[in-house]
PDB file of N, CA and C in Angstrom:
ATOM      1  N   MET A   1       0.857  -1.256  -0.100  1.00  0.00           N
ATOM      2  CA  MET A   1       0.366   0.389   0.050  1.00  0.00           C
ATOM      3  C   MET A   1       0.983   1.564  -0.199  1.00  0.00           C
ATOM      4  N   ALA A   2       0.810   2.143  -0.965  1.00  0.00           N
ATOM      5  CA  ALA A   2       1.359   3.264  -0.989  1.00  0.00           C
ATOM      6  C   ALA A   2       1.062   4.481  -0.216  1.00  0.00           C
ATOM      7  N   THR A   3       1.707   4.891   0.507  1.00  0.00           N
ATOM      8  CA  THR A   3       1.307   6.506   1.233  1.00  0.00           C
ATOM      9  C   THR A   3       1.505   7.833   0.273  1.00  0.00           C
ATOM     10  N   GLN A   4       0.558   8.634   0.243  1.00  0.00           N
ATOM     11  CA  GLN A   4       0.747  10.027   0.166  1.00  0.00           C
ATOM     12  C   GLN A   4       1.671  10.641   0.933  1.00  0.00           C
ATOM     13  N   ASN A   5       2.517  11.535   0.504  1.00  0.00           N
ATOM     14  CA  ASN A   5       3.096  12.577   1.516  1.00  0.00           C
ATOM     15  C   ASN A   5       2.091  13.998   1.848  1.00  0.00           C
ATOM     16  N   LYS A   6       2.408  13.786   2.917  1.00  0.00           N
ATOM     17  CA  LYS A   6       1.136  14.667   3.421  1.00  0.00           C
ATOM     18  C   LYS A   6       1.119  16.151   2.503  1.00  0.00           C
ATOM     19  N   ALA A   7       2.008  16.500   2.266  1.00  0.00           N
ATOM     20  CA  ALA A   7       2.272  17.871   1.907  1.00  0.00           C
ATOM     21  C   ALA A   7       1.667  18.202  -0.009  1.00  0.00           C
ATOM     22  N   THR A   8       1.656  16.634  -0.820  1.00  0.00           N
ATOM     23  CA  THR A   8       1.112  17.204  -1.594  1.00  0.00           C
ATOM     24  C   THR A   8      -0.426  16.664  -1.380  1.00  0.00           C
ATOM     25  N   ASP A   9      -0.681  16.136  -0.547  1.00  0.00           N
ATOM     26  CA  ASP A   9      -2.344  15.733  -0.587  1.00  0.00           C
ATOM     27  C   ASP A   9      -2.745  17.055   0.261  1.00  0.00           C
ATOM     28  N   ARG A  10      -2.383  17.587   1.362  1.00  0.00           N
ATOM     29  CA  ARG A  10      -2.491  19.178   1.630  1.00  0.00           C
ATOM     30  C   ARG A  10      -2.957  20.115   0.035  1.00  0.00           C
ATOM     31  N   LYS A  11      -1.702  19.553  -0.914  1.00  0.00           N
ATOM     32  CA  LYS A  11      -1.372  20.601  -1.944  1.00  0.00           C
ATOM     33  C   LYS A  11      -2.733  20.485  -2.792  1.00  0.00           C
ATOM     34  N   SER A  12      -3.050  19.142  -2.859  1.00  0.00           N
ATOM     35  CA  SER A  12      -4.572  18.976  -3.853  1.00  0.00           C
ATOM     36  C   SER A  12      -5.622  18.698  -2.924  1.00  0.00           C
ATOM     37  N   ARG A  13      -6.093  19.514  -1.830  1.00  0.00           N
ATOM     38  CA  ARG A  13      -7.101  20.118  -0.987  1.00  0.00           C
ATOM     39  C   ARG A  13      -7.379  21.241  -1.471  1.00  0.00           C
ATOM     40  N   ILE A  14      -6.173  22.205  -1.149  1.00  0.00           N
ATOM     41  CA  ILE A  14      -6.341  23.649  -1.229  1.00  0.00           C
ATOM     42  C   ILE A  14      -7.022  23.650  -2.615  1.00  0.00           C
ATOM     43  N   PRO A  15      -8.146  24.942  -2.611  1.00  0.00           N
ATOM     44  CA  PRO A  15      -9.793  24.961  -3.407  1.00  0.00           C
ATOM     45  C   PRO A  15      -9.312  26.352  -4.133  1.00  0.00           C
ATOM     46  N   PHE A  16      -7.669  26.732  -4.097  1.00  0.00           N
ATOM     47  CA  PHE A  16      -7.493  27.952  -5.236  1.00  0.00           C
ATOM     48  C   PHE A  16      -5.836  27.899  -5.839  1.00  0.00           C
ATOM     49  N   SER A  17      -5.708  28.564  -6.170  1.00  0.00           N
ATOM     50  CA  SER A  17      -4.371  28.778  -7.096  1.00  0.00           C
ATOM     51  C   SER A  17      -3.417  29.884  -5.841  1.00  0.00           C
ATOM     52  N   VAL A  18      -2.450  30.096  -5.911  1.00  0.00           N
ATOM     53  CA  VAL A  18      -1.590  31.184  -5.135  1.00  0.00           C
ATOM     54  C   VAL A  18      -1.805  32.561  -6.131  1.00  0.00           C
ATOM     55  N   ASN A  19      -1.419  31.670  -7.311  1.00  0.00           N
ATOM     56  CA  ASN A  19      -1.502  32.742  -8.704  1.00  0.00           C
ATOM     57  C   ASN A  19      -2.477  33.915  -9.009  1.00  0.00           C
ATOM     58  N   GLN A  20      -3.946  32.972  -8.263  1.00  0.00           N
ATOM     59  CA  GLN A  20      -5.179  33.345  -8.670  1.00  0.00           C
ATOM     60  C   GLN A  20      -5.539  34.934  -8.148  1.00  0.00           C
ATOM     61  N   TYR A  21      -4.851  35.113  -6.736  1.00  0.00           N
ATOM     62  CA  TYR A  21      -4.985  36.208  -5.998  1.00  0.00           C
ATOM     63  C   TYR A  21      -3.413  37.541  -6.423  1.00  0.00           C
ATOM     64  N   PRO A  22      -3.663  38.260  -6.313  1.00  0.00           N
ATOM     65  CA  PRO A  22      -2.310  39.521  -6.393  1.00  0.00           C
ATOM     66  C   PRO A  22      -2.060  39.701  -5.148  1.00  0.00           C
ATOM     67  N   PRO A  23      -0.518  40.270  -4.621  1.00  0.00           N
ATOM     68  CA  PRO A  23      -0.444  40.658  -3.693  1.00  0.00           C
ATOM     69  C   PRO A  23      -1.470  41.723  -2.946  1.00  0.00           C
ATOM     70  N   ILE A  24      -1.417  42.031  -1.992  1.00  0.00           N
ATOM     71  CA  ILE A  24      -2.476  42.488  -1.127  1.00  0.00           C
ATOM     72  C   ILE A  24      -1.912  43.977  -0.865  1.00  0.00           C
ATOM     73  N   ASP A  25      -0.793  44.447  -1.450  1.00  0.00           N
ATOM     74  CA  ASP A  25      -0.495  45.700  -1.212  1.00  0.00           C
ATOM     75  C   ASP A  25      -0.951  46.514  -2.959  1.00  0.00           C
ATOM     76  N   SER A  26      -1.319  45.484  -3.740  1.00  0.00           N
ATOM     77  CA  SER A  26      -1.038  46.087  -5.065  1.00  0.00           C
ATOM     78  C   SER A  26      -2.861  46.171  -5.710  1.00  0.00           C
ATOM     79  N   ILE A  27      -3.364  45.661  -3.782  1.00  0.00           N
ATOM     80  CA  ILE A  27      -4.997  45.648  -4.325  1.00  0.00           C
ATOM     81  C   ILE A  27      -6.121  47.148  -4.115  1.00  0.00           C
ATOM     82  N   THR A  28      -6.640  48.054  -4.741  1.00  0.00           N
ATOM     83  CA  THR A  28      -6.454  49.004  -4.654  1.00  0.00           C
ATOM     84  C   THR A  28      -8.384  49.403  -4.321  1.00  0.00           C
ATOM     85  N   ARG A  29      -9.177  47.989  -4.743  1.00  0.00           N
ATOM     86  CA  ARG A  29     -10.179  48.472  -4.071  1.00  0.00           C
ATOM     87  C   ARG A  29     -10.411  48.245  -2.270  1.00  0.00           C
ATOM     88  N   GLU A  30     -11.418  49.011  -1.785  1.00  0.00           N
ATOM     89  CA  GLU A  30     -11.270  48.749  -0.431  1.00  0.00           C
ATOM     90  C   GLU A  30     -12.121  47.733  -0.090  1.00  0.00           C
ATOM     91  N   LEU A  31     -12.661  47.042  -0.540  1.00  0.00           N
ATOM     92  CA  LEU A  31     -13.475  46.023  -0.421  1.00  0.00           C
ATOM     93  C   LEU A  31     -12.774  44.489  -0.895  1.00  0.00           C
ATOM     94  N   LEU A  32     -12.761  43.214   0.287  1.00  0.00           N
ATOM     95  CA  LEU A  32     -12.715  42.234  -0.275  1.00  0.00           C
ATOM     96  C   LEU A  32     -13.698  40.838  -0.182  1.00  0.00           C
ATOM     97  N   THR A  33     -13.581  40.029  -0.716  1.00  0.00           N
ATOM     98  CA  THR A  33     -15.059  38.977  -1.030  1.00  0.00           C
ATOM     99  C   THR A  33     -14.530  37.906   0.349  1.00  0.00           C
ATOM    100  N   THR A  34     -14.991  37.215   0.867  1.00  0.00           N
ATOM    101  CA  THR A  34     -15.067  36.072   1.747  1.00  0.00           C
ATOM    102  C   THR A  34     -13.806  35.358   1.017  1.00  0.00           C
ATOM    103  N   ASN A  35     -13.777  34.663  -0.002  1.00  0.00           N
ATOM    104  CA  ASN A  35     -12.603  34.268  -0.329  1.00  0.00           C
ATOM    105  C   ASN A  35     -11.483  34.758  -0.162  1.00  0.00           C
ATOM    106  N   GLU A  36     -11.229  35.852  -0.927  1.00  0.00           N
ATOM    107  CA  GLU A  36      -9.863  37.059  -0.840  1.00  0.00           C
ATOM    108  C   GLU A  36      -9.525  37.246   0.481  1.00  0.00           C
ATOM    109  N   ALA A  37     -10.227  37.290   1.085  1.00  0.00           N
ATOM    110  CA  ALA A  37     -10.169  38.001   2.343  1.00  0.00           C
ATOM    111  C   ALA A  37      -9.565  36.675   3.436  1.00  0.00           C
ATOM    112  N   ALA A  38     -10.119  35.388   3.086  1.00  0.00           N
ATOM    113  CA  ALA A  38      -9.813  33.954   3.657  1.00  0.00           C
ATOM    114  C   ALA A  38      -8.302  33.888   2.995  1.00  0.00           C
ATOM    115  N   PHE A  39      -7.804  34.286   2.101  1.00  0.00           N
ATOM    116  CA  PHE A  39      -6.606  33.501   1.256  1.00  0.00           C
ATOM    117  C   PHE A  39      -5.893  34.759   2.308  1.00  0.00           C
ATOM    118  N   TYR A  40      -5.556  35.655   2.214  1.00  0.00           N
ATOM    119  CA  TYR A  40      -4.923  36.578   2.728  1.00  0.00           C
ATOM    120  C   TYR A  40      -5.177  36.385   4.191  1.00  0.00           C
ATOM    121  N   LEU A  41      -5.445  36.106   5.402  1.00  0.00           N
ATOM    122  CA  LEU A  41      -5.441  35.288   6.697  1.00  0.00           C
ATOM    123  C   LEU A  41      -5.109  34.147   6.643  1.00  0.00           C
ATOM    124  N   CYS A  42      -4.599  33.269   5.518  1.00  0.00           N
ATOM    125  CA  CYS A  42      -4.676  31.780   5.994  1.00  0.00           C
ATOM    126  C   CYS A  42      -5.829  30.983   6.612  1.00  0.00           C
ATOM    127  N   VAL A  43      -6.838  31.297   6.662  1.00  0.00           N
ATOM    128  CA  VAL A  43      -8.156  30.658   6.864  1.00  0.00           C
ATOM    129  C   VAL A  43      -8.817  30.103   5.717  1.00  0.00           C
ATOM    130  N   LYS A  44      -9.648  29.230   6.694  1.00  0.00           N
ATOM    131  CA  LYS A  44     -10.836  28.939   5.421  1.00  0.00           C
ATOM    132  C   LYS A  44     -12.004  29.839   5.439  1.00  0.00           C
ATOM    133  N   PRO A  45     -12.509  29.927   4.223  1.00  0.00           N
ATOM    134  CA  PRO A  45     -13.871  30.945   4.117  1.00  0.00           C
ATOM    135  C   PRO A  45     -14.726  30.628   4.924  1.00  0.00           C
ATOM    136  N   ALA A  46     -14.917  29.144   5.512  1.00  0.00           N
ATOM    137  CA  ALA A  46     -15.759  28.826   6.449  1.00  0.00           C
ATOM    138  C   ALA A  46     -15.524  29.297   7.792  1.00  0.00           C
ATOM    139  N   THR A  47     -13.986  29.724   8.179  1.00  0.00           N
ATOM    140  CA  THR A  47     -13.623  29.993   9.226  1.00  0.00           C
ATOM    141  C   THR A  47     -14.292  31.709   9.380  1.00  0.00           C
ATOM    142  N   LEU A  48     -14.315  32.313   8.126  1.00  0.00           N
ATOM    143  CA  LEU A  48     -14.473  33.830   8.431  1.00  0.00           C
ATOM    144  C   LEU A  48     -16.214  33.588   8.269  1.00  0.00           C
ATOM    145  N   ASN A  49     -16.907  33.115   7.609  1.00  0.00           N
ATOM    146  CA  ASN A  49     -18.195  32.743   7.621  1.00  0.00           C
ATOM    147  C   ASN A  49     -18.872  32.142   9.478  1.00  0.00           C
ATOM    148  N   ARG A  50     -18.160  31.870  10.029  1.00  0.00           N
ATOM    149  CA  ARG A  50     -17.881  30.900  11.475  1.00  0.00           C
ATOM    150  C   ARG A  50     -18.120  32.597  12.060  1.00  0.00           C
ATOM    151  N   TRP A  51     -16.737  33.268  11.924  1.00  0.00           N
ATOM    152  CA  TRP A  51     -16.961  34.435  13.126  1.00  0.00           C
ATOM    153  C   TRP A  51     -18.169  35.243  12.921  1.00  0.00           C
ATOM    154  N   ASN A  52     -17.932  35.506  11.408  1.00  0.00           N
ATOM    155  CA  ASN A  52     -19.327  36.507  11.180  1.00  0.00           C
ATOM    156  C   ASN A  52     -20.454  35.912  11.471  1.00  0.00           C
ATOM    157  N   CYS A  53     -20.428  34.482  11.670  1.00  0.00           N
ATOM    158  CA  CYS A  53     -22.473  34.524  11.883  1.00  0.00           C
ATOM    159  C   CYS A  53     -22.232  34.681  13.376  1.00  0.00           C
ATOM    160  N   LYS A  54     -21.539  33.973  14.386  1.00  0.00           N
ATOM    161  CA  LYS A  54     -21.318  34.037  15.867  1.00  0.00           C
ATOM    162  C   LYS A  54     -20.528  35.460  16.365  1.00  0.00           C
ATOM    163  N   LYS A  55     -20.324  36.045  15.842  1.00  0.00           N
ATOM    164  CA  LYS A  55     -19.909  38.001  16.177  1.00  0.00           C
ATOM    165  C   LYS A  55     -18.833  37.674  16.819  1.00  0.00           C
ATOM    166  N   ASN A  56     -17.562  36.763  16.782  1.00  0.00           N
ATOM    167  CA  ASN A  56     -17.002  36.707  18.134  1.00  0.00           C
ATOM    168  C   ASN A  56     -15.396  36.110  17.082  1.00  0.00           C
ATOM    169  N   GLY A  57     -15.161  37.190  16.145  1.00  0.00           N
ATOM    170  CA  GLY A  57     -14.146  36.796  15.090  1.00  0.00           C
ATOM    171  C   GLY A  57     -13.197  38.358  15.598  1.00  0.00           C
ATOM    172  N   PRO A  58     -12.029  38.180  15.129  1.00  0.00           N
ATOM    173  CA  PRO A  58     -11.074  39.300  15.077  1.00  0.00           C
ATOM    174  C   PRO A  58     -11.217  40.782  13.958  1.00  0.00           C
ATOM    175  N   ILE A  59     -12.163  40.067  13.594  1.00  0.00           N
ATOM    176  CA  ILE A  59     -12.454  41.032  12.049  1.00  0.00           C
ATOM    177  C   ILE A  59     -14.180  40.976  11.936  1.00  0.00           C
ATOM    178  N   LYS A  60     -14.541  42.567  11.200  1.00  0.00           N
ATOM    179  CA  LYS A  60     -16.031  42.327  11.021  1.00  0.00           C
ATOM    180  C   LYS A  60     -16.475  42.714   9.998  1.00  0.00           C
ATOM    181  N   ALA A  61     -17.419  41.667   9.429  1.00  0.00           N
ATOM    182  CA  ALA A  61     -18.197  41.627   7.792  1.00  0.00           C
ATOM    183  C   ALA A  61     -18.818  43.179   7.335  1.00  0.00           C
ATOM    184  N   THR A  62     -18.693  43.558   6.260  1.00  0.00           N
ATOM    185  CA  THR A  62     -19.515  44.526   5.746  1.00  0.00           C
ATOM    186  C   THR A  62     -20.908  43.813   4.786  1.00  0.00           C
ATOM    187  N   TYR A  63     -21.831  44.648   4.372  1.00  0.00           N
ATOM    188  CA  TYR A  63     -22.617  44.059   3.823  1.00  0.00           C
ATOM    189  C   TYR A  63     -22.891  44.993   2.769  1.00  0.00           C
ATOM    190  N   ILE A  64     -23.352  44.386   1.378  1.00  0.00           N
ATOM    191  CA  ILE A  64     -23.824  45.024   0.235  1.00  0.00           C
ATOM    192  C   ILE A  64     -24.831  44.170  -0.091  1.00  0.00           C
ATOM    193  N   GLY A  65     -25.991  44.345   0.314  1.00  0.00           N
ATOM    194  CA  GLY A  65     -26.897  43.627  -0.642  1.00  0.00           C
ATOM    195  C   GLY A  65     -26.786  42.269   0.382  1.00  0.00           C
ATOM    196  N   ARG A  66     -26.753  41.226  -0.197  1.00  0.00           N
ATOM    197  CA  ARG A  66     -26.931  39.683   0.393  1.00  0.00           C
ATOM    198  C   ARG A  66     -25.206  39.478   0.435  1.00  0.00           C
ATOM    199  N   LYS A  67     -24.246  40.372  -0.468  1.00  0.00           N
ATOM    200  CA  LYS A  67     -22.636  40.148  -0.136  1.00  0.00           C
ATOM    201  C   LYS A  67     -21.919  40.385   1.255  1.00  0.00           C
ATOM    202  N   THR A  68     -21.484  39.399   1.660  1.00  0.00           N
ATOM    203  CA  THR A  68     -20.474  39.666   2.637  1.00  0.00           C
ATOM    204  C   THR A  68     -19.023  40.188   2.447  1.00  0.00           C
ATOM    205  N   LEU A  69     -18.280  41.610   2.759  1.00  0.00           N
ATOM    206  CA  LEU A  69     -17.077  41.942   2.173  1.00  0.00           C
ATOM    207  C   LEU A  69     -16.561  42.297   3.578  1.00  0.00           C
ATOM    208  N   TYR A  70     -15.464  42.130   3.340  1.00  0.00           N
ATOM    209  CA  TYR A  70     -14.006  42.621   4.152  1.00  0.00           C
ATOM    210  C   TYR A  70     -13.521  43.721   3.658  1.00  0.00           C
ATOM    211  N   ARG A  71     -13.427  44.591   4.632  1.00  0.00           N
ATOM    212  CA  ARG A  71     -12.543  45.996   4.524  1.00  0.00           C
ATOM    213  C   ARG A  71     -11.109  45.562   4.347  1.00  0.00           C
ATOM    214  N   ILE A  72     -10.310  46.372   3.419  1.00  0.00           N
ATOM    215  CA  ILE A  72      -9.397  45.423   3.180  1.00  0.00           C
ATOM    216  C   ILE A  72      -8.272  46.289   4.070  1.00  0.00           C
ATOM    217  N   GLU A  73      -7.937  47.115   5.090  1.00  0.00           N
ATOM    218  CA  GLU A  73      -7.714  47.940   5.800  1.00  0.00           C
ATOM    219  C   GLU A  73      -7.320  46.660   6.756  1.00  0.00           C
ATOM    220  N   ASP A  74      -8.905  46.476   7.680  1.00  0.00           N
ATOM    221  CA  ASP A  74      -9.032  45.453   8.459  1.00  0.00           C
ATOM    222  C   ASP A  74      -8.471  43.998   8.547  1.00  0.00           C
ATOM    223  N   VAL A  75      -7.550  43.521   6.813  1.00  0.00           N
ATOM    224  CA  VAL A  75      -7.004  42.283   6.611  1.00  0.00           C
ATOM    225  C   VAL A  75      -5.852  42.666   7.172  1.00  0.00           C
ATOM    226  N   LYS A  76      -5.344  43.975   6.296  1.00  0.00           N
ATOM    227  CA  LYS A  76      -3.925  44.335   6.996  1.00  0.00           C
ATOM    228  C   LYS A  76      -3.776  44.329   7.945  1.00  0.00           C
ATOM    229  N   LYS A  77      -4.399  45.503   8.768  1.00  0.00           N
ATOM    230  CA  LYS A  77      -3.993  45.183   9.876  1.00  0.00           C
ATOM    231  C   LYS A  77      -3.890  43.809  10.807  1.00  0.00           C
ATOM    232  N   LEU A  78      -4.848  42.941  10.528  1.00  0.00           N
ATOM    233  CA  LEU A  78      -4.625  41.353  11.156  1.00  0.00           C
ATOM    234  C   LEU A  78      -3.450  40.588  10.382  1.00  0.00           C
ATOM    235  N   ILE A  79      -3.129  40.584   9.449  1.00  0.00           N
ATOM    236  CA  ILE A  79      -2.202  40.286   9.134  1.00  0.00           C
ATOM    237  C   ILE A  79      -0.695  41.173   9.706  1.00  0.00           C
ATOM    238  N   ASN A  80      -0.666  42.144  10.040  1.00  0.00           N
ATOM    239  CA  ASN A  80       0.626  42.649  11.053  1.00  0.00           C
ATOM    240  C   ASN A  80       0.378  42.627  12.443  1.00  0.00           C
ATOM    241  N   GLY A  81      -0.226  41.681  12.427  1.00  0.00           N
ATOM    242  CA  GLY A  81      -0.887  41.738  13.702  1.00  0.00           C
ATOM    243  C   GLY A  81      -1.488  42.407  14.996  1.00  0.00           C
ATOM    244  N   GLU A  82      -1.892  43.733  14.050  1.00  0.00           N
ATOM    245  CA  GLU A  82      -2.785  44.816  15.276  1.00  0.00           C
ATOM    246  C   GLU A  82      -4.125  44.901  15.234  1.00  0.00           C
ATOM    247  N   ALA A  83      -4.508  45.015  16.183  1.00  0.00           N
ATOM    248  CA  ALA A  83      -5.701  44.706  16.627  1.00  0.00           C
ATOM    249  C   ALA A  83      -7.037  46.064  15.562  1.00  0.00           C
ATOM    250  N   VAL A  84      -7.512  44.899  15.462  1.00  0.00           N
ATOM    251  CA  VAL A  84      -8.909  45.739  14.264  1.00  0.00           C
ATOM    252  C   VAL A  84      -9.732  46.405  15.332  1.00  0.00           C
ATOM    253  N   SER A  85     -10.200  47.671  14.991  1.00  0.00           N
ATOM    254  CA  SER A  85     -11.320  48.220  15.965  1.00  0.00           C
ATOM    255  C   SER A  85     -12.807  47.647  15.336  1.00  0.00           C
ATOM    256  N   VAL A  86     -13.733  46.954  16.313  1.00  0.00           N
ATOM    257  CA  VAL A  86     -14.798  46.518  15.818  1.00  0.00           C
ATOM    258  C   VAL A  86     -16.276  47.950  15.887  1.00  0.00           C
TER     259      VAL A  86
END
């Protein structure tokens, strides 16, 4: 029975390509989608959704209609280890 390398197995489960998203500093928009914010924060989109639903996460979502979006300034602050004012 052959076993797969854990790193190879993990790569096959990542739902996006690293090349799909540009560096965060090159983005000129003010808001990010859930998938984009999850990519830059290195968490799953489901984690962001859970934080948003339970209102206990380190970042607050913004809504435009039914779309859940995250402020790029808040994402950058979390990446840098700063507190986000909620």
